[in-house]
Amino acid sequence: MTKLEELTALLVNEIDDFKNGVENLEKINDQIKDTKIKMDLSEYKTMIYSHQKEMASHLKAIERFENRFNNKIIQAKIYPTWAVIVFIVCIVVTVVLASYMFLK
C-alpha cells in the first residue's frame, strides 16, 4: 500500500504542477493578447520623405535637360547659311560654265 500511496502522491504532485503550469501559460497568453504592438515608423517616414525630395529634384533636373535639349534641336541648323550660299553659287557657276562650253 505504501507504494500505491507514494505513486498516488507523486501523481497528485505532478497533476498540481501541470495545473500550475497551465495557469501560468493562460496568464501569459492573456498578457500577450492584451499587448498591442506598435511599430515606430517615424524613421522610415523621414527616409521616404527625403527620398521623395531627392526624386523630385532629379525629375526637375531631367525636365530642365529635356527642355534645353529640345530648344537646341529646334534652333539647330543642319548646314550653316554661308555653306548653303556657297554651294548654290558653285552650282550656278558650274551650270553657267557647262552651258557656255556646250554652246560654244
N, C-alpha and C. Protein backbone atom coordinates (compact mmCIF):
# COMPACT_ATOMS: atom_id res chain seq x y z
N MET A 1 0.79 -1.19 0.00
CA MET A 1 0.00 0.00 0.00
C MET A 1 0.84 1.26 0.00
N THR A 2 1.96 1.17 0.62
CA THR A 2 2.79 2.36 0.68
C THR A 2 3.25 2.77 -0.72
N LYS A 3 3.52 1.78 -1.53
CA LYS A 3 3.92 2.10 -2.91
C LYS A 3 2.79 2.78 -3.65
N LEU A 4 1.60 2.28 -3.45
CA LEU A 4 0.44 2.86 -4.09
C LEU A 4 0.21 4.28 -3.59
N GLU A 5 0.39 4.50 -2.31
CA GLU A 5 0.25 5.83 -1.74
C GLU A 5 1.32 6.79 -2.28
N GLU A 6 2.54 6.28 -2.40
CA GLU A 6 3.64 7.09 -2.94
C GLU A 6 3.37 7.47 -4.40
N LEU A 7 2.91 6.49 -5.17
CA LEU A 7 2.60 6.76 -6.57
C LEU A 7 1.43 7.74 -6.70
N THR A 8 0.45 7.58 -5.82
CA THR A 8 -0.69 8.49 -5.84
C THR A 8 -0.24 9.90 -5.47
N ALA A 9 0.60 10.02 -4.45
CA ALA A 9 1.10 11.33 -4.03
C ALA A 9 1.93 11.96 -5.15
N LEU A 10 2.77 11.14 -5.77
CA LEU A 10 3.59 11.64 -6.89
C LEU A 10 2.71 12.09 -8.05
N LEU A 11 1.69 11.31 -8.33
CA LEU A 11 0.77 11.66 -9.41
C LEU A 11 0.00 12.94 -9.09
N VAL A 12 -0.42 13.11 -7.85
CA VAL A 12 -1.13 14.32 -7.44
C VAL A 12 -0.20 15.52 -7.56
N ASN A 13 1.07 15.36 -7.12
CA ASN A 13 2.05 16.45 -7.25
C ASN A 13 2.26 16.84 -8.71
N GLU A 14 2.39 15.84 -9.56
CA GLU A 14 2.60 16.11 -10.99
C GLU A 14 1.38 16.80 -11.60
N ILE A 15 0.21 16.36 -11.20
CA ILE A 15 -1.02 16.99 -11.72
C ILE A 15 -1.12 18.44 -11.24
N ASP A 16 -0.75 18.68 -9.96
CA ASP A 16 -0.75 20.05 -9.44
C ASP A 16 0.26 20.92 -10.19
N ASP A 17 1.45 20.37 -10.41
CA ASP A 17 2.46 21.12 -11.17
C ASP A 17 1.98 21.42 -12.60
N PHE A 18 1.35 20.42 -13.21
CA PHE A 18 0.83 20.62 -14.57
C PHE A 18 -0.25 21.69 -14.57
N LYS A 19 -1.13 21.64 -13.54
CA LYS A 19 -2.20 22.62 -13.43
C LYS A 19 -1.62 24.02 -13.23
N ASN A 20 -0.60 24.15 -12.39
CA ASN A 20 0.06 25.45 -12.18
C ASN A 20 0.71 25.94 -13.48
N GLY A 21 1.33 25.03 -14.21
CA GLY A 21 1.95 25.39 -15.49
C GLY A 21 0.93 25.88 -16.50
N VAL A 22 -0.22 25.20 -16.56
CA VAL A 22 -1.29 25.59 -17.47
C VAL A 22 -1.83 26.97 -17.08
N GLU A 23 -2.00 27.21 -15.78
CA GLU A 23 -2.48 28.52 -15.32
C GLU A 23 -1.49 29.62 -15.68
N ASN A 24 -0.21 29.34 -15.49
CA ASN A 24 0.81 30.34 -15.86
C ASN A 24 0.77 30.62 -17.36
N LEU A 25 0.62 29.57 -18.15
CA LEU A 25 0.54 29.76 -19.61
C LEU A 25 -0.70 30.55 -20.00
N GLU A 26 -1.80 30.33 -19.31
CA GLU A 26 -3.02 31.09 -19.60
C GLU A 26 -2.82 32.57 -19.27
N LYS A 27 -2.14 32.85 -18.14
CA LYS A 27 -1.86 34.25 -17.78
C LYS A 27 -0.98 34.90 -18.84
N ILE A 28 0.04 34.18 -19.24
CA ILE A 28 0.95 34.73 -20.27
C ILE A 28 0.20 34.93 -21.58
N ASN A 29 -0.68 34.00 -21.93
CA ASN A 29 -1.46 34.11 -23.15
C ASN A 29 -2.37 35.34 -23.09
N ASP A 30 -3.01 35.56 -21.93
CA ASP A 30 -3.86 36.75 -21.76
C ASP A 30 -3.04 38.03 -21.90
N GLN A 31 -1.84 38.04 -21.32
CA GLN A 31 -0.97 39.21 -21.43
C GLN A 31 -0.56 39.47 -22.88
N ILE A 32 -0.28 38.40 -23.59
CA ILE A 32 0.12 38.54 -25.00
C ILE A 32 -1.05 39.06 -25.83
N LYS A 33 -2.25 38.57 -25.54
CA LYS A 33 -3.42 39.05 -26.28
C LYS A 33 -3.67 40.53 -26.03
N ASP A 34 -3.43 40.97 -24.79
CA ASP A 34 -3.66 42.38 -24.44
C ASP A 34 -2.55 43.30 -24.93
N THR A 35 -1.40 42.74 -25.23
CA THR A 35 -0.27 43.56 -25.66
C THR A 35 -0.48 44.03 -27.09
N LYS A 36 -0.39 45.33 -27.27
CA LYS A 36 -0.51 45.92 -28.60
C LYS A 36 0.89 46.24 -29.10
N ILE A 37 1.19 45.76 -30.29
CA ILE A 37 2.49 46.03 -30.89
C ILE A 37 2.34 47.20 -31.84
N LYS A 38 3.14 48.22 -31.59
CA LYS A 38 3.08 49.40 -32.44
C LYS A 38 4.48 49.62 -33.02
N MET A 39 4.51 49.72 -34.32
CA MET A 39 5.79 49.92 -34.99
C MET A 39 6.11 51.41 -35.02
N ASP A 40 7.37 51.71 -34.84
CA ASP A 40 7.83 53.09 -34.92
C ASP A 40 8.22 53.38 -36.36
N LEU A 41 7.36 54.08 -37.06
CA LEU A 41 7.59 54.35 -38.48
C LEU A 41 8.19 55.73 -38.73
N SER A 42 8.46 56.48 -37.69
CA SER A 42 8.95 57.84 -37.88
C SER A 42 10.29 57.85 -38.63
N GLU A 43 11.14 56.89 -38.33
CA GLU A 43 12.43 56.82 -39.02
C GLU A 43 12.24 56.55 -40.51
N TYR A 44 11.32 55.64 -40.81
CA TYR A 44 11.06 55.31 -42.21
C TYR A 44 10.37 56.46 -42.93
N LYS A 45 9.50 57.17 -42.21
CA LYS A 45 8.82 58.31 -42.83
C LYS A 45 9.82 59.38 -43.23
N THR A 46 10.79 59.66 -42.38
CA THR A 46 11.80 60.66 -42.74
C THR A 46 12.63 60.20 -43.92
N MET A 47 12.96 58.90 -43.96
CA MET A 47 13.73 58.39 -45.09
C MET A 47 12.93 58.49 -46.38
N ILE A 48 11.65 58.15 -46.32
CA ILE A 48 10.80 58.22 -47.51
C ILE A 48 10.62 59.67 -47.95
N TYR A 49 10.45 60.56 -46.99
CA TYR A 49 10.28 61.98 -47.32
C TYR A 49 11.54 62.53 -47.99
N SER A 50 12.72 62.21 -47.46
CA SER A 50 13.95 62.69 -48.08
C SER A 50 14.14 62.07 -49.46
N HIS A 51 13.74 60.81 -49.61
CA HIS A 51 13.84 60.16 -50.93
C HIS A 51 12.90 60.82 -51.93
N GLN A 52 11.70 61.18 -51.48
CA GLN A 52 10.76 61.87 -52.37
C GLN A 52 11.31 63.22 -52.80
N LYS A 53 11.93 63.94 -51.87
CA LYS A 53 12.51 65.24 -52.23
C LYS A 53 13.64 65.06 -53.24
N GLU A 54 14.45 64.04 -53.02
CA GLU A 54 15.56 63.77 -53.94
C GLU A 54 15.03 63.40 -55.32
N MET A 55 14.00 62.57 -55.37
CA MET A 55 13.42 62.17 -56.65
C MET A 55 12.79 63.37 -57.36
N ALA A 56 12.17 64.27 -56.61
CA ALA A 56 11.58 65.47 -57.21
C ALA A 56 12.67 66.35 -57.81
N SER A 57 13.79 66.50 -57.11
CA SER A 57 14.87 67.32 -57.65
C SER A 57 15.47 66.67 -58.90
N HIS A 58 15.60 65.34 -58.90
CA HIS A 58 16.10 64.65 -60.10
C HIS A 58 15.13 64.82 -61.26
N LEU A 59 13.85 64.75 -60.97
CA LEU A 59 12.84 64.91 -62.02
C LEU A 59 12.90 66.31 -62.62
N LYS A 60 13.06 67.32 -61.76
CA LYS A 60 13.18 68.70 -62.26
C LYS A 60 14.43 68.86 -63.11
N ALA A 61 15.54 68.25 -62.69
CA ALA A 61 16.78 68.33 -63.46
C ALA A 61 16.61 67.67 -64.82
N ILE A 62 15.93 66.53 -64.86
CA ILE A 62 15.70 65.85 -66.13
C ILE A 62 14.81 66.68 -67.03
N GLU A 63 13.78 67.30 -66.46
CA GLU A 63 12.89 68.15 -67.27
C GLU A 63 13.64 69.36 -67.82
N ARG A 64 14.51 69.97 -67.00
CA ARG A 64 15.31 71.10 -67.50
C ARG A 64 16.23 70.67 -68.63
N PHE A 65 16.87 69.50 -68.47
CA PHE A 65 17.74 69.00 -69.53
C PHE A 65 16.95 68.73 -70.80
N GLU A 66 15.77 68.14 -70.65
CA GLU A 66 14.93 67.86 -71.81
C GLU A 66 14.51 69.15 -72.52
N ASN A 67 14.14 70.17 -71.76
CA ASN A 67 13.77 71.45 -72.37
C ASN A 67 14.95 72.08 -73.10
N ARG A 68 16.13 72.07 -72.46
CA ARG A 68 17.32 72.62 -73.13
C ARG A 68 17.63 71.85 -74.40
N PHE A 69 17.54 70.52 -74.32
CA PHE A 69 17.83 69.68 -75.48
C PHE A 69 16.84 69.95 -76.61
N ASN A 70 15.56 70.06 -76.27
CA ASN A 70 14.55 70.35 -77.29
C ASN A 70 14.78 71.72 -77.93
N ASN A 71 15.14 72.73 -77.12
CA ASN A 71 15.44 74.06 -77.66
C ASN A 71 16.65 74.02 -78.59
N LYS A 72 17.66 73.25 -78.23
CA LYS A 72 18.84 73.12 -79.10
C LYS A 72 18.48 72.45 -80.41
N ILE A 73 17.62 71.44 -80.35
CA ILE A 73 17.20 70.75 -81.57
C ILE A 73 16.41 71.70 -82.46
N ILE A 74 15.52 72.48 -81.85
CA ILE A 74 14.71 73.42 -82.63
C ILE A 74 15.59 74.48 -83.28
N GLN A 75 16.57 74.98 -82.55
CA GLN A 75 17.43 76.05 -83.06
C GLN A 75 18.54 75.53 -83.97
N ALA A 76 18.77 74.24 -83.96
CA ALA A 76 19.88 73.68 -84.73
C ALA A 76 19.60 73.76 -86.23
N LYS A 77 20.65 74.02 -86.96
CA LYS A 77 20.56 74.00 -88.42
C LYS A 77 21.52 72.93 -88.89
N ILE A 78 21.11 72.21 -89.93
CA ILE A 78 21.95 71.13 -90.41
C ILE A 78 23.21 71.69 -91.06
N TYR A 79 23.03 72.70 -91.91
CA TYR A 79 24.17 73.34 -92.58
C TYR A 79 24.15 74.82 -92.27
N PRO A 80 25.32 75.42 -92.09
CA PRO A 80 25.35 76.86 -91.88
C PRO A 80 24.91 77.59 -93.16
N THR A 81 24.34 78.78 -93.01
CA THR A 81 23.81 79.51 -94.17
C THR A 81 24.91 79.85 -95.17
N TRP A 82 26.08 80.23 -94.70
CA TRP A 82 27.14 80.60 -95.63
C TRP A 82 27.54 79.41 -96.49
N ALA A 83 27.50 78.17 -95.93
CA ALA A 83 27.87 76.99 -96.71
C ALA A 83 26.81 76.71 -97.77
N VAL A 84 25.55 76.93 -97.44
CA VAL A 84 24.47 76.72 -98.41
C VAL A 84 24.59 77.73 -99.55
N ILE A 85 24.89 79.00 -99.21
CA ILE A 85 25.03 80.03 -100.25
C ILE A 85 26.21 79.72 -101.16
N VAL A 86 27.32 79.31 -100.60
CA VAL A 86 28.50 78.95 -101.42
C VAL A 86 28.18 77.77 -102.32
N PHE A 87 27.46 76.78 -101.81
CA PHE A 87 27.10 75.61 -102.61
C PHE A 87 26.20 76.01 -103.78
N ILE A 88 25.20 76.86 -103.52
CA ILE A 88 24.29 77.29 -104.59
C ILE A 88 25.05 78.10 -105.63
N VAL A 89 25.94 78.97 -105.17
CA VAL A 89 26.73 79.77 -106.12
C VAL A 89 27.60 78.86 -106.96
N CYS A 90 28.20 77.86 -106.36
CA CYS A 90 29.04 76.91 -107.12
C CYS A 90 28.21 76.15 -108.16
N ILE A 91 27.02 75.73 -107.79
CA ILE A 91 26.16 75.02 -108.74
C ILE A 91 25.79 75.93 -109.90
N VAL A 92 25.42 77.17 -109.58
CA VAL A 92 25.03 78.12 -110.63
C VAL A 92 26.22 78.38 -111.55
N VAL A 93 27.38 78.59 -110.98
CA VAL A 93 28.58 78.84 -111.80
C VAL A 93 28.89 77.62 -112.65
N THR A 94 28.77 76.42 -112.08
CA THR A 94 29.03 75.20 -112.85
C THR A 94 28.04 75.05 -113.99
N VAL A 95 26.77 75.32 -113.74
CA VAL A 95 25.76 75.22 -114.79
C VAL A 95 26.03 76.25 -115.88
N VAL A 96 26.37 77.46 -115.49
CA VAL A 96 26.66 78.52 -116.47
C VAL A 96 27.88 78.14 -117.29
N LEU A 97 28.93 77.68 -116.65
CA LEU A 97 30.14 77.29 -117.39
C LEU A 97 29.88 76.09 -118.30
N ALA A 98 29.10 75.12 -117.80
CA ALA A 98 28.81 73.94 -118.62
C ALA A 98 27.96 74.33 -119.83
N SER A 99 26.99 75.19 -119.64
CA SER A 99 26.16 75.61 -120.78
C SER A 99 26.99 76.47 -121.75
N TYR A 100 27.92 77.27 -121.25
CA TYR A 100 28.77 78.06 -122.11
C TYR A 100 29.67 77.16 -122.96
N MET A 101 30.18 76.06 -122.31
CA MET A 101 31.05 75.15 -123.03
C MET A 101 30.27 74.40 -124.13
N PHE A 102 29.03 74.01 -123.87
CA PHE A 102 28.24 73.31 -124.86
C PHE A 102 27.77 74.22 -125.98
N LEU A 103 27.49 75.45 -125.68
CA LEU A 103 27.01 76.37 -126.69
C LEU A 103 28.14 76.93 -127.55
N LYS A 104 29.30 76.84 -127.16
CA LYS A 104 30.43 77.40 -127.91
C LYS A 104 30.86 76.54 -129.03
